N, C-alpha and C. Protein backbone atom coordinates (compact mmCIF):
# COMPACT_ATOMS: atom_id res chain seq x y z
N UNK A 1 14.76 -25.89 -22.54
CA UNK A 1 13.81 -26.33 -21.52
C UNK A 1 12.69 -25.31 -21.45
N UNK A 2 11.45 -25.75 -21.49
CA UNK A 2 10.33 -24.84 -21.45
C UNK A 2 10.20 -24.24 -20.07
N UNK A 3 10.20 -22.92 -20.01
CA UNK A 3 10.00 -22.20 -18.76
C UNK A 3 8.82 -21.27 -18.96
N UNK A 4 7.82 -21.35 -18.10
CA UNK A 4 6.65 -20.51 -18.23
C UNK A 4 6.71 -19.40 -17.22
N UNK A 5 6.59 -18.14 -17.70
CA UNK A 5 6.66 -17.03 -16.77
C UNK A 5 5.29 -16.72 -16.21
N UNK A 6 5.21 -15.70 -15.36
CA UNK A 6 3.97 -15.43 -14.65
C UNK A 6 2.89 -14.87 -15.56
N UNK A 7 3.21 -14.48 -16.79
CA UNK A 7 2.21 -14.00 -17.72
C UNK A 7 1.62 -15.13 -18.53
N UNK A 8 2.14 -16.37 -18.34
CA UNK A 8 1.65 -17.51 -19.07
C UNK A 8 2.40 -17.76 -20.36
N UNK A 9 3.39 -16.93 -20.68
CA UNK A 9 4.17 -17.12 -21.88
C UNK A 9 5.34 -18.04 -21.59
N UNK A 10 5.75 -18.78 -22.59
CA UNK A 10 6.81 -19.75 -22.41
C UNK A 10 8.08 -19.29 -23.08
N UNK A 11 9.21 -19.48 -22.37
CA UNK A 11 10.53 -19.14 -22.89
C UNK A 11 11.41 -20.35 -22.68
N UNK A 12 11.72 -21.09 -23.73
CA UNK A 12 12.43 -22.35 -23.57
C UNK A 12 13.87 -22.17 -23.15
N UNK A 13 14.38 -20.95 -23.16
CA UNK A 13 15.76 -20.73 -22.78
C UNK A 13 15.94 -20.67 -21.29
N UNK A 14 14.84 -20.44 -20.54
CA UNK A 14 14.98 -20.34 -19.09
C UNK A 14 14.87 -18.93 -18.60
N UNK A 15 14.89 -17.91 -19.49
CA UNK A 15 14.73 -16.52 -19.08
C UNK A 15 13.35 -16.04 -19.48
N UNK A 16 12.68 -15.26 -18.61
CA UNK A 16 11.33 -14.82 -18.87
C UNK A 16 11.28 -13.59 -19.75
N UNK A 17 10.08 -13.33 -20.29
CA UNK A 17 9.87 -12.13 -21.08
C UNK A 17 9.86 -10.91 -20.18
N UNK A 18 9.81 -9.71 -20.78
CA UNK A 18 9.73 -8.48 -20.00
C UNK A 18 8.51 -8.53 -19.09
N UNK A 19 8.66 -8.03 -17.88
CA UNK A 19 7.58 -8.06 -16.92
C UNK A 19 6.57 -6.95 -17.25
N UNK A 20 5.32 -7.18 -16.86
CA UNK A 20 4.29 -6.19 -17.08
C UNK A 20 4.51 -4.99 -16.17
N UNK A 21 3.77 -3.92 -16.46
CA UNK A 21 3.85 -2.72 -15.62
C UNK A 21 3.50 -3.08 -14.19
N UNK A 22 4.11 -2.38 -13.23
CA UNK A 22 3.96 -2.73 -11.82
C UNK A 22 2.86 -1.92 -11.14
N UNK A 23 2.15 -1.05 -11.89
CA UNK A 23 1.18 -0.16 -11.28
C UNK A 23 0.05 -0.92 -10.59
N UNK A 24 -0.34 -2.09 -11.14
CA UNK A 24 -1.48 -2.82 -10.59
C UNK A 24 -1.07 -3.87 -9.58
N UNK A 25 0.19 -3.84 -9.15
CA UNK A 25 0.68 -4.84 -8.20
C UNK A 25 0.64 -4.29 -6.78
N UNK A 26 -0.01 -4.99 -5.84
CA UNK A 26 -0.03 -4.52 -4.45
C UNK A 26 1.38 -4.43 -3.88
N UNK A 27 1.61 -3.42 -3.07
CA UNK A 27 2.91 -3.26 -2.45
C UNK A 27 3.05 -4.26 -1.31
N UNK A 28 4.15 -4.99 -1.26
CA UNK A 28 4.41 -5.92 -0.18
C UNK A 28 5.60 -5.40 0.61
N UNK A 29 5.34 -4.94 1.82
CA UNK A 29 6.39 -4.37 2.63
C UNK A 29 7.21 -5.46 3.30
N UNK A 30 8.43 -5.11 3.68
CA UNK A 30 9.28 -6.03 4.41
C UNK A 30 8.64 -6.34 5.76
N UNK A 31 8.64 -7.61 6.15
CA UNK A 31 8.01 -8.02 7.39
C UNK A 31 8.70 -7.38 8.60
N UNK A 32 7.91 -7.08 9.62
CA UNK A 32 8.45 -6.44 10.82
C UNK A 32 9.40 -7.36 11.58
N UNK A 33 9.30 -8.66 11.34
CA UNK A 33 10.16 -9.62 12.04
C UNK A 33 11.57 -9.70 11.45
N UNK A 34 11.78 -9.07 10.31
CA UNK A 34 13.07 -9.16 9.63
C UNK A 34 14.17 -8.52 10.46
N UNK A 35 15.25 -9.27 10.65
CA UNK A 35 16.38 -8.79 11.45
C UNK A 35 17.60 -8.44 10.62
N UNK A 36 17.62 -8.85 9.35
CA UNK A 36 18.78 -8.57 8.52
C UNK A 36 18.45 -8.67 7.04
N UNK A 37 19.34 -8.13 6.23
CA UNK A 37 19.15 -8.15 4.78
C UNK A 37 20.49 -8.34 4.10
N UNK A 38 20.46 -8.93 2.91
CA UNK A 38 21.70 -9.17 2.17
C UNK A 38 21.44 -9.00 0.67
N UNK A 39 22.43 -8.44 0.01
CA UNK A 39 22.39 -8.32 -1.44
C UNK A 39 23.05 -9.56 -2.04
N UNK A 40 22.33 -10.24 -2.92
CA UNK A 40 22.81 -11.48 -3.53
C UNK A 40 22.78 -11.34 -5.05
N UNK A 41 23.87 -11.71 -5.70
CA UNK A 41 23.91 -11.73 -7.16
C UNK A 41 23.46 -13.10 -7.66
N UNK A 42 22.77 -13.12 -8.77
CA UNK A 42 22.44 -14.36 -9.49
C UNK A 42 23.12 -14.25 -10.85
N UNK A 43 24.12 -15.09 -11.08
CA UNK A 43 24.97 -14.92 -12.26
C UNK A 43 24.97 -16.18 -13.12
N UNK A 44 25.48 -16.03 -14.32
CA UNK A 44 25.59 -17.17 -15.23
C UNK A 44 25.48 -16.70 -16.67
N UNK A 45 25.74 -17.59 -17.61
CA UNK A 45 25.68 -17.23 -19.03
C UNK A 45 24.25 -16.94 -19.48
N UNK A 46 24.12 -16.40 -20.66
CA UNK A 46 22.82 -16.08 -21.21
C UNK A 46 21.94 -17.32 -21.34
N UNK A 47 20.67 -17.19 -20.93
CA UNK A 47 19.72 -18.27 -21.09
C UNK A 47 19.81 -19.38 -20.07
N UNK A 48 20.62 -19.20 -19.02
CA UNK A 48 20.80 -20.28 -18.04
C UNK A 48 19.65 -20.34 -17.04
N UNK A 49 18.83 -19.28 -16.96
CA UNK A 49 17.67 -19.31 -16.07
C UNK A 49 17.68 -18.29 -14.96
N UNK A 50 18.50 -17.26 -15.05
CA UNK A 50 18.60 -16.26 -13.98
C UNK A 50 17.28 -15.51 -13.79
N UNK A 51 16.73 -15.01 -14.89
CA UNK A 51 15.47 -14.28 -14.83
C UNK A 51 14.35 -15.17 -14.31
N UNK A 52 14.34 -16.41 -14.76
CA UNK A 52 13.32 -17.36 -14.32
C UNK A 52 13.42 -17.63 -12.83
N UNK A 53 14.62 -17.88 -12.32
CA UNK A 53 14.79 -18.18 -10.90
C UNK A 53 14.34 -17.01 -10.04
N UNK A 54 14.75 -15.80 -10.41
CA UNK A 54 14.36 -14.63 -9.62
C UNK A 54 12.85 -14.45 -9.65
N UNK A 55 12.24 -14.63 -10.82
CA UNK A 55 10.79 -14.52 -10.92
C UNK A 55 10.07 -15.60 -10.14
N UNK A 56 10.66 -16.77 -10.05
CA UNK A 56 10.06 -17.90 -9.34
C UNK A 56 10.00 -17.67 -7.84
N UNK A 57 11.06 -17.11 -7.27
CA UNK A 57 11.13 -17.00 -5.81
C UNK A 57 10.70 -15.64 -5.27
N UNK A 58 10.66 -14.62 -6.11
CA UNK A 58 10.44 -13.26 -5.61
C UNK A 58 9.05 -13.09 -5.02
N UNK A 59 8.99 -12.47 -3.83
CA UNK A 59 7.73 -12.20 -3.17
C UNK A 59 7.13 -10.88 -3.63
N UNK A 60 7.87 -10.12 -4.41
CA UNK A 60 7.36 -8.92 -5.04
C UNK A 60 7.42 -9.13 -6.55
N UNK A 61 6.73 -8.30 -7.29
CA UNK A 61 6.79 -8.43 -8.75
C UNK A 61 8.21 -8.11 -9.19
N UNK A 62 8.90 -9.06 -9.82
CA UNK A 62 10.30 -8.83 -10.18
C UNK A 62 10.44 -7.81 -11.29
N UNK A 63 11.56 -7.11 -11.25
CA UNK A 63 11.91 -6.16 -12.30
C UNK A 63 12.86 -6.85 -13.27
N UNK A 64 12.57 -6.76 -14.56
CA UNK A 64 13.43 -7.36 -15.56
C UNK A 64 13.69 -6.35 -16.66
N UNK A 65 14.96 -6.20 -17.04
CA UNK A 65 15.32 -5.28 -18.11
C UNK A 65 15.86 -6.09 -19.27
N UNK A 66 14.95 -6.61 -20.09
CA UNK A 66 15.33 -7.41 -21.24
C UNK A 66 15.13 -6.63 -22.52
N UNK A 67 15.92 -6.97 -23.53
CA UNK A 67 15.82 -6.34 -24.84
C UNK A 67 15.97 -7.40 -25.91
N UNK A 68 15.40 -7.12 -27.08
CA UNK A 68 15.55 -8.04 -28.20
C UNK A 68 16.99 -8.04 -28.68
N UNK A 69 17.54 -9.22 -28.89
CA UNK A 69 18.93 -9.33 -29.31
C UNK A 69 19.09 -8.93 -30.76
N UNK A 70 20.23 -8.29 -31.05
CA UNK A 70 20.57 -7.98 -32.43
C UNK A 70 20.94 -9.27 -33.16
N UNK A 71 20.96 -9.22 -34.49
CA UNK A 71 21.35 -10.41 -35.25
C UNK A 71 22.78 -10.82 -34.94
N UNK A 72 23.65 -9.82 -34.76
CA UNK A 72 25.05 -10.13 -34.44
C UNK A 72 25.15 -10.81 -33.09
N UNK A 73 24.40 -10.27 -32.10
CA UNK A 73 24.43 -10.86 -30.77
C UNK A 73 23.86 -12.26 -30.76
N UNK A 74 22.80 -12.47 -31.55
CA UNK A 74 22.19 -13.79 -31.61
C UNK A 74 23.15 -14.82 -32.17
N UNK A 75 23.92 -14.44 -33.18
CA UNK A 75 24.88 -15.38 -33.76
C UNK A 75 25.96 -15.75 -32.76
N UNK A 76 26.34 -14.80 -31.92
CA UNK A 76 27.41 -15.04 -30.96
C UNK A 76 26.95 -15.82 -29.74
N UNK A 77 25.71 -15.62 -29.32
CA UNK A 77 25.29 -16.05 -27.99
C UNK A 77 24.25 -17.15 -27.94
N UNK A 78 23.83 -17.72 -29.05
CA UNK A 78 22.73 -18.67 -29.01
C UNK A 78 23.12 -20.06 -29.50
N UNK A 79 24.35 -20.45 -29.26
CA UNK A 79 24.81 -21.77 -29.71
C UNK A 79 23.98 -22.89 -29.11
N UNK A 80 23.76 -22.84 -27.80
CA UNK A 80 22.99 -23.89 -27.12
C UNK A 80 21.51 -23.55 -27.09
N UNK A 81 21.18 -22.27 -27.13
CA UNK A 81 19.80 -21.82 -27.02
C UNK A 81 19.40 -21.05 -28.28
N UNK A 82 19.24 -21.75 -29.44
CA UNK A 82 19.00 -21.07 -30.71
C UNK A 82 17.71 -20.29 -30.77
N UNK A 83 16.72 -20.60 -29.92
CA UNK A 83 15.45 -19.88 -29.95
C UNK A 83 15.45 -18.66 -29.05
N UNK A 84 16.56 -18.38 -28.40
CA UNK A 84 16.66 -17.23 -27.51
C UNK A 84 16.61 -15.95 -28.32
N UNK A 85 15.66 -15.06 -28.03
CA UNK A 85 15.51 -13.82 -28.80
C UNK A 85 15.68 -12.57 -27.96
N UNK A 86 15.63 -12.70 -26.62
CA UNK A 86 15.83 -11.55 -25.75
C UNK A 86 16.92 -11.86 -24.74
N UNK A 87 17.47 -10.81 -24.15
CA UNK A 87 18.52 -10.99 -23.15
C UNK A 87 18.49 -9.83 -22.17
N UNK A 88 18.89 -10.09 -20.92
CA UNK A 88 18.97 -9.04 -19.92
C UNK A 88 20.11 -8.10 -20.26
N UNK A 89 19.82 -6.80 -20.27
CA UNK A 89 20.84 -5.82 -20.64
C UNK A 89 21.27 -4.95 -19.47
N UNK A 90 20.60 -5.01 -18.36
CA UNK A 90 21.01 -4.24 -17.19
C UNK A 90 21.00 -5.14 -15.96
N UNK A 91 19.82 -5.49 -15.48
CA UNK A 91 19.74 -6.38 -14.32
C UNK A 91 18.32 -6.91 -14.18
N UNK A 92 18.19 -7.97 -13.42
CA UNK A 92 16.90 -8.44 -12.91
C UNK A 92 16.91 -8.18 -11.41
N UNK A 93 15.74 -7.93 -10.84
CA UNK A 93 15.69 -7.65 -9.40
C UNK A 93 14.46 -8.31 -8.79
N UNK A 94 14.68 -8.94 -7.63
CA UNK A 94 13.58 -9.52 -6.88
C UNK A 94 13.93 -9.55 -5.40
N UNK A 95 12.97 -10.00 -4.59
CA UNK A 95 13.19 -10.03 -3.14
C UNK A 95 12.52 -11.26 -2.56
N UNK A 96 13.20 -11.89 -1.61
CA UNK A 96 12.63 -13.04 -0.91
C UNK A 96 13.02 -12.97 0.56
N UNK A 97 12.08 -13.33 1.43
CA UNK A 97 12.35 -13.37 2.87
C UNK A 97 12.46 -14.83 3.30
N UNK A 98 13.56 -15.16 3.95
CA UNK A 98 13.81 -16.52 4.42
C UNK A 98 13.55 -16.60 5.92
N UNK A 99 12.70 -17.52 6.31
CA UNK A 99 12.45 -17.73 7.73
C UNK A 99 11.84 -16.55 8.45
N UNK A 100 11.31 -15.60 7.71
CA UNK A 100 10.70 -14.42 8.32
C UNK A 100 11.70 -13.47 8.94
N UNK A 101 13.00 -13.76 8.81
CA UNK A 101 14.01 -12.94 9.49
C UNK A 101 15.08 -12.35 8.58
N UNK A 102 15.32 -12.99 7.44
CA UNK A 102 16.39 -12.54 6.55
C UNK A 102 15.84 -12.24 5.17
N UNK A 103 16.06 -11.01 4.72
CA UNK A 103 15.63 -10.61 3.38
C UNK A 103 16.81 -10.70 2.43
N UNK A 104 16.59 -11.36 1.30
CA UNK A 104 17.59 -11.39 0.24
C UNK A 104 17.12 -10.52 -0.91
N UNK A 105 17.94 -9.55 -1.26
CA UNK A 105 17.68 -8.73 -2.44
C UNK A 105 18.47 -9.34 -3.59
N UNK A 106 17.77 -9.86 -4.58
CA UNK A 106 18.39 -10.63 -5.65
C UNK A 106 18.62 -9.76 -6.88
N UNK A 107 19.85 -9.74 -7.35
CA UNK A 107 20.23 -8.96 -8.53
C UNK A 107 20.76 -9.92 -9.59
N UNK A 108 20.03 -10.06 -10.68
CA UNK A 108 20.48 -10.91 -11.78
C UNK A 108 21.35 -10.13 -12.73
N UNK A 109 22.52 -10.65 -13.04
CA UNK A 109 23.47 -9.96 -13.91
C UNK A 109 23.21 -10.30 -15.38
N UNK A 110 23.58 -9.40 -16.30
CA UNK A 110 23.48 -9.74 -17.72
C UNK A 110 24.37 -10.94 -18.04
N UNK A 111 23.91 -11.80 -18.93
CA UNK A 111 24.64 -13.03 -19.20
C UNK A 111 25.66 -12.94 -20.32
N UNK A 112 25.53 -11.94 -21.18
CA UNK A 112 26.44 -11.87 -22.31
C UNK A 112 27.81 -11.37 -21.87
N UNK A 113 28.83 -11.91 -22.49
CA UNK A 113 30.20 -11.65 -22.07
C UNK A 113 30.56 -10.18 -22.15
N UNK A 114 30.01 -9.46 -23.10
CA UNK A 114 30.37 -8.05 -23.26
C UNK A 114 29.89 -7.18 -22.10
N UNK A 115 28.98 -7.73 -21.25
CA UNK A 115 28.50 -6.97 -20.10
C UNK A 115 29.31 -7.24 -18.83
N UNK A 116 30.32 -8.10 -18.90
CA UNK A 116 31.11 -8.42 -17.71
C UNK A 116 31.71 -7.19 -17.03
N UNK A 117 32.19 -6.17 -17.77
CA UNK A 117 32.75 -5.00 -17.09
C UNK A 117 31.75 -4.31 -16.16
N UNK A 118 30.45 -4.46 -16.40
CA UNK A 118 29.45 -3.81 -15.56
C UNK A 118 29.29 -4.51 -14.22
N UNK A 119 29.85 -5.70 -14.10
CA UNK A 119 29.70 -6.47 -12.86
C UNK A 119 30.33 -5.77 -11.66
N UNK A 120 31.40 -5.05 -11.89
CA UNK A 120 32.12 -4.43 -10.78
C UNK A 120 31.19 -3.53 -9.98
N UNK A 121 30.38 -2.74 -10.69
CA UNK A 121 29.43 -1.86 -10.01
C UNK A 121 28.28 -2.66 -9.40
N UNK A 122 27.78 -3.63 -10.14
CA UNK A 122 26.64 -4.41 -9.65
C UNK A 122 27.02 -5.25 -8.43
N UNK A 123 28.27 -5.67 -8.37
CA UNK A 123 28.72 -6.53 -7.26
C UNK A 123 29.03 -5.74 -5.99
N UNK A 124 29.09 -4.42 -6.11
CA UNK A 124 29.43 -3.61 -4.93
C UNK A 124 28.38 -3.83 -3.83
N UNK A 125 28.83 -4.23 -2.65
CA UNK A 125 27.92 -4.45 -1.52
C UNK A 125 27.27 -5.82 -1.48
N UNK A 126 27.57 -6.67 -2.46
CA UNK A 126 26.97 -8.01 -2.48
C UNK A 126 27.64 -8.91 -1.45
N UNK A 127 26.82 -9.63 -0.68
CA UNK A 127 27.36 -10.55 0.31
C UNK A 127 27.82 -11.84 -0.33
N UNK A 128 27.17 -12.23 -1.43
CA UNK A 128 27.53 -13.47 -2.10
C UNK A 128 26.80 -13.58 -3.43
N UNK A 129 26.99 -14.73 -4.09
CA UNK A 129 26.38 -14.93 -5.41
C UNK A 129 25.99 -16.39 -5.61
N UNK A 130 24.91 -16.58 -6.35
CA UNK A 130 24.50 -17.90 -6.80
C UNK A 130 24.83 -17.99 -8.29
N UNK A 131 25.73 -18.90 -8.64
CA UNK A 131 26.15 -19.06 -10.04
C UNK A 131 25.35 -20.20 -10.66
N UNK A 132 24.51 -19.87 -11.64
CA UNK A 132 23.73 -20.89 -12.34
C UNK A 132 24.54 -21.47 -13.49
N UNK A 133 24.41 -22.79 -13.66
CA UNK A 133 25.20 -23.51 -14.66
C UNK A 133 24.27 -24.37 -15.52
N UNK A 134 24.57 -24.44 -16.80
CA UNK A 134 23.88 -25.32 -17.74
C UNK A 134 24.89 -26.37 -18.21
N UNK A 135 24.66 -27.63 -17.87
CA UNK A 135 25.65 -28.66 -18.18
C UNK A 135 25.77 -28.92 -19.68
N UNK A 136 24.84 -28.43 -20.48
CA UNK A 136 24.95 -28.59 -21.93
C UNK A 136 26.05 -27.70 -22.51
N UNK A 137 26.47 -26.71 -21.72
CA UNK A 137 27.52 -25.80 -22.18
C UNK A 137 28.29 -25.29 -20.96
N UNK A 138 29.02 -26.19 -20.32
CA UNK A 138 29.75 -25.82 -19.10
C UNK A 138 30.76 -24.72 -19.35
N UNK A 139 31.37 -24.73 -20.53
CA UNK A 139 32.39 -23.73 -20.83
C UNK A 139 31.86 -22.31 -20.74
N UNK A 140 30.56 -22.14 -21.03
CA UNK A 140 29.96 -20.81 -20.98
C UNK A 140 29.92 -20.25 -19.56
N UNK A 141 30.03 -21.12 -18.56
CA UNK A 141 29.97 -20.68 -17.16
C UNK A 141 31.32 -20.26 -16.61
N UNK A 142 32.39 -20.56 -17.32
CA UNK A 142 33.73 -20.28 -16.80
C UNK A 142 33.94 -18.80 -16.52
N UNK A 143 33.49 -17.94 -17.44
CA UNK A 143 33.71 -16.50 -17.28
C UNK A 143 33.00 -15.96 -16.04
N UNK A 144 31.74 -16.40 -15.83
CA UNK A 144 30.98 -15.91 -14.69
C UNK A 144 31.63 -16.32 -13.37
N UNK A 145 32.01 -17.59 -13.27
CA UNK A 145 32.64 -18.08 -12.04
C UNK A 145 34.00 -17.42 -11.84
N UNK A 146 34.76 -17.30 -12.91
CA UNK A 146 36.06 -16.64 -12.80
C UNK A 146 35.95 -15.19 -12.39
N UNK A 147 34.91 -14.51 -12.87
CA UNK A 147 34.73 -13.11 -12.52
C UNK A 147 34.38 -12.97 -11.04
N UNK A 148 33.58 -13.88 -10.51
CA UNK A 148 33.27 -13.85 -9.08
C UNK A 148 34.54 -14.04 -8.25
N UNK A 149 35.40 -14.94 -8.69
CA UNK A 149 36.66 -15.16 -7.99
C UNK A 149 37.53 -13.92 -8.05
N UNK A 150 37.58 -13.26 -9.21
CA UNK A 150 38.37 -12.04 -9.35
C UNK A 150 37.85 -10.93 -8.44
N UNK A 151 36.52 -10.87 -8.28
CA UNK A 151 35.91 -9.84 -7.45
C UNK A 151 35.89 -10.23 -5.98
N UNK A 152 36.36 -11.45 -5.66
CA UNK A 152 36.39 -11.96 -4.29
C UNK A 152 34.99 -12.00 -3.67
N UNK A 153 34.03 -12.45 -4.47
CA UNK A 153 32.65 -12.60 -4.00
C UNK A 153 32.40 -14.08 -3.70
N UNK A 154 32.07 -14.44 -2.46
CA UNK A 154 31.78 -15.84 -2.15
C UNK A 154 30.57 -16.32 -2.95
N UNK A 155 30.59 -17.58 -3.37
CA UNK A 155 29.49 -18.05 -4.21
C UNK A 155 29.25 -19.54 -4.01
N UNK A 156 28.06 -19.96 -4.42
CA UNK A 156 27.75 -21.38 -4.55
C UNK A 156 27.26 -21.60 -5.98
N UNK A 157 27.26 -22.85 -6.41
CA UNK A 157 26.89 -23.19 -7.79
C UNK A 157 25.61 -24.01 -7.79
N UNK A 158 24.68 -23.63 -8.66
CA UNK A 158 23.43 -24.38 -8.83
C UNK A 158 23.32 -24.80 -10.29
N UNK A 159 23.24 -26.09 -10.51
CA UNK A 159 23.06 -26.62 -11.87
C UNK A 159 21.58 -26.61 -12.20
N UNK A 160 21.19 -25.78 -13.16
CA UNK A 160 19.79 -25.72 -13.58
C UNK A 160 19.51 -26.90 -14.51
N UNK A 161 18.66 -27.80 -14.07
CA UNK A 161 18.44 -29.07 -14.77
C UNK A 161 17.50 -28.90 -15.96
N UNK A 162 18.05 -28.92 -17.16
CA UNK A 162 17.26 -28.88 -18.39
C UNK A 162 16.90 -30.31 -18.80
N UNK A 163 15.74 -30.51 -19.42
CA UNK A 163 15.31 -31.88 -19.77
C UNK A 163 16.29 -32.64 -20.64
N UNK A 164 16.98 -31.93 -21.53
CA UNK A 164 17.90 -32.63 -22.44
C UNK A 164 19.35 -32.61 -21.95
N UNK A 165 19.54 -32.25 -20.68
CA UNK A 165 20.89 -32.26 -20.11
C UNK A 165 21.31 -33.69 -19.80
N UNK A 166 22.53 -34.02 -20.11
CA UNK A 166 23.06 -35.34 -19.79
C UNK A 166 23.45 -35.38 -18.31
N UNK A 167 23.25 -36.52 -17.65
CA UNK A 167 23.61 -36.62 -16.23
C UNK A 167 25.12 -36.60 -16.03
N UNK A 168 25.55 -35.94 -14.97
CA UNK A 168 26.97 -35.88 -14.62
C UNK A 168 27.10 -36.11 -13.13
N UNK A 169 28.16 -36.75 -12.72
CA UNK A 169 28.41 -36.93 -11.29
C UNK A 169 28.89 -35.62 -10.69
N UNK A 170 28.73 -35.50 -9.37
CA UNK A 170 29.20 -34.28 -8.70
C UNK A 170 30.70 -34.11 -8.87
N UNK A 171 31.44 -35.20 -8.79
CA UNK A 171 32.90 -35.12 -8.95
C UNK A 171 33.27 -34.61 -10.34
N UNK A 172 32.56 -35.08 -11.36
CA UNK A 172 32.85 -34.63 -12.72
C UNK A 172 32.54 -33.14 -12.89
N UNK A 173 31.43 -32.70 -12.30
CA UNK A 173 31.07 -31.29 -12.41
C UNK A 173 32.07 -30.41 -11.67
N UNK A 174 32.46 -30.83 -10.48
CA UNK A 174 33.44 -30.05 -9.72
C UNK A 174 34.76 -29.95 -10.48
N UNK A 175 35.15 -31.05 -11.08
CA UNK A 175 36.40 -31.05 -11.84
C UNK A 175 36.29 -30.15 -13.07
N UNK A 176 35.18 -30.26 -13.80
CA UNK A 176 35.00 -29.47 -15.01
C UNK A 176 34.94 -27.97 -14.72
N UNK A 177 34.33 -27.61 -13.58
CA UNK A 177 34.19 -26.20 -13.21
C UNK A 177 35.34 -25.71 -12.34
N UNK A 178 36.25 -26.63 -11.98
CA UNK A 178 37.42 -26.29 -11.17
C UNK A 178 36.99 -25.65 -9.84
N UNK A 179 36.03 -26.28 -9.17
CA UNK A 179 35.51 -25.74 -7.92
C UNK A 179 36.36 -26.19 -6.74
N UNK A 180 36.49 -25.31 -5.76
CA UNK A 180 37.15 -25.68 -4.52
C UNK A 180 36.26 -26.65 -3.74
N UNK A 181 36.85 -27.49 -2.90
CA UNK A 181 36.06 -28.49 -2.17
C UNK A 181 34.94 -27.90 -1.32
N UNK A 182 35.14 -26.69 -0.79
CA UNK A 182 34.13 -26.12 0.10
C UNK A 182 33.03 -25.37 -0.64
N UNK A 183 33.14 -25.21 -1.95
CA UNK A 183 32.12 -24.49 -2.71
C UNK A 183 30.88 -25.37 -2.88
N UNK A 184 29.72 -24.93 -2.38
CA UNK A 184 28.51 -25.75 -2.50
C UNK A 184 28.11 -25.95 -3.97
N UNK A 185 27.63 -27.15 -4.28
CA UNK A 185 27.14 -27.48 -5.61
C UNK A 185 25.82 -28.22 -5.46
N UNK A 186 24.75 -27.64 -6.02
CA UNK A 186 23.42 -28.24 -5.89
C UNK A 186 22.77 -28.32 -7.27
N UNK A 187 21.76 -29.17 -7.38
CA UNK A 187 20.94 -29.26 -8.58
C UNK A 187 19.62 -28.56 -8.31
N UNK A 188 19.15 -27.75 -9.25
CA UNK A 188 17.87 -27.07 -9.04
C UNK A 188 17.10 -26.99 -10.34
N UNK A 189 15.83 -26.65 -10.21
CA UNK A 189 14.97 -26.35 -11.36
C UNK A 189 14.49 -24.92 -11.15
N UNK A 190 14.98 -24.01 -11.97
CA UNK A 190 14.68 -22.59 -11.79
C UNK A 190 13.19 -22.28 -11.91
N UNK A 191 12.41 -23.19 -12.46
CA UNK A 191 10.97 -22.97 -12.60
C UNK A 191 10.21 -23.30 -11.32
N UNK A 192 10.83 -24.07 -10.43
CA UNK A 192 10.14 -24.55 -9.24
C UNK A 192 10.57 -23.77 -8.00
N UNK A 193 9.59 -23.26 -7.27
CA UNK A 193 9.86 -22.39 -6.13
C UNK A 193 10.71 -23.08 -5.07
N UNK A 194 10.27 -24.24 -4.62
CA UNK A 194 10.98 -24.92 -3.54
C UNK A 194 12.41 -25.27 -3.93
N UNK A 195 12.59 -25.73 -5.14
CA UNK A 195 13.92 -26.09 -5.62
C UNK A 195 14.84 -24.87 -5.67
N UNK A 196 14.31 -23.75 -6.13
CA UNK A 196 15.11 -22.53 -6.23
C UNK A 196 15.43 -21.97 -4.85
N UNK A 197 14.46 -22.04 -3.93
CA UNK A 197 14.70 -21.57 -2.57
C UNK A 197 15.78 -22.40 -1.90
N UNK A 198 15.76 -23.71 -2.11
CA UNK A 198 16.79 -24.58 -1.53
C UNK A 198 18.18 -24.18 -2.03
N UNK A 199 18.28 -23.80 -3.29
CA UNK A 199 19.57 -23.35 -3.83
C UNK A 199 20.04 -22.09 -3.12
N UNK A 200 19.12 -21.17 -2.85
CA UNK A 200 19.48 -19.94 -2.15
C UNK A 200 19.84 -20.22 -0.69
N UNK A 201 19.13 -21.14 -0.06
CA UNK A 201 19.44 -21.50 1.33
C UNK A 201 20.83 -22.12 1.41
N UNK A 202 21.19 -22.93 0.43
CA UNK A 202 22.53 -23.51 0.38
C UNK A 202 23.58 -22.41 0.32
N UNK A 203 23.32 -21.38 -0.47
CA UNK A 203 24.25 -20.25 -0.55
C UNK A 203 24.35 -19.53 0.78
N UNK A 204 23.20 -19.23 1.40
CA UNK A 204 23.20 -18.50 2.67
C UNK A 204 23.95 -19.29 3.74
N UNK A 205 23.75 -20.59 3.80
CA UNK A 205 24.47 -21.42 4.77
C UNK A 205 25.97 -21.34 4.55
N UNK A 206 26.36 -21.35 3.28
CA UNK A 206 27.79 -21.23 2.94
C UNK A 206 28.34 -19.87 3.37
N UNK A 207 27.56 -18.82 3.17
CA UNK A 207 28.01 -17.48 3.55
C UNK A 207 28.15 -17.36 5.06
N UNK A 208 27.22 -17.95 5.80
CA UNK A 208 27.30 -17.91 7.26
C UNK A 208 28.55 -18.64 7.74
N UNK A 209 28.83 -19.80 7.16
CA UNK A 209 30.04 -20.55 7.52
C UNK A 209 31.29 -19.75 7.20
N UNK A 210 31.30 -19.10 6.04
CA UNK A 210 32.46 -18.31 5.63
C UNK A 210 32.69 -17.14 6.58
N UNK A 211 31.61 -16.45 6.95
CA UNK A 211 31.74 -15.32 7.86
C UNK A 211 32.16 -15.78 9.25
N UNK A 212 31.64 -16.92 9.69
CA UNK A 212 32.00 -17.46 11.01
C UNK A 212 33.47 -17.81 11.07
N UNK A 213 33.97 -18.44 10.01
CA UNK A 213 35.39 -18.81 9.96
C UNK A 213 36.29 -17.59 9.93
N UNK A 214 35.81 -16.51 9.32
CA UNK A 214 36.63 -15.31 9.20
C UNK A 214 36.65 -14.49 10.48
N UNK A 215 35.66 -14.70 11.36
CA UNK A 215 35.58 -13.90 12.58
C UNK A 215 36.43 -14.49 13.71
């Protein structure tokens, strides 16, 4: 799926190119009306659109740590996304304020399986996670979702709609991903601001319900 980043370059895998230097970007401070903040992970397999989603919603210039993939890595990780040439090797970072009162600090995790051990540190202090899914390769999402469950991080699932994705019913997706009934499942387009924000709002609503039930 063609995804255009803020530099005007297109990345059909859903992840953006390395971001430009931040020296010429005006500083945007947190609004004085903000009453709370939360650390949120954005997870999923390589090329599912994590970098794109964070870049789409971030009110500050997002930080992206991407590197060119080795030939060995490309052979292992580009089954569905053969044109993918770069991958996040540390994290993506962005920030969004919801309703003028809640700041979400978004941390995108590396998508390649060999980086899963690094999640333990990245997940420390996270209130929840948004798990992005590509229906063209649902199996690739199993590790990310399973790792969130192992780390006991509450999450919601957002299906990033690629143009060549086949339609699936919600029941079929829930069954294929083995989701619990209360786990939110939404459809989004990581390139579109409103669609991506709605996915994050769905997660926040789920987290509020979870915290309320636990109190």
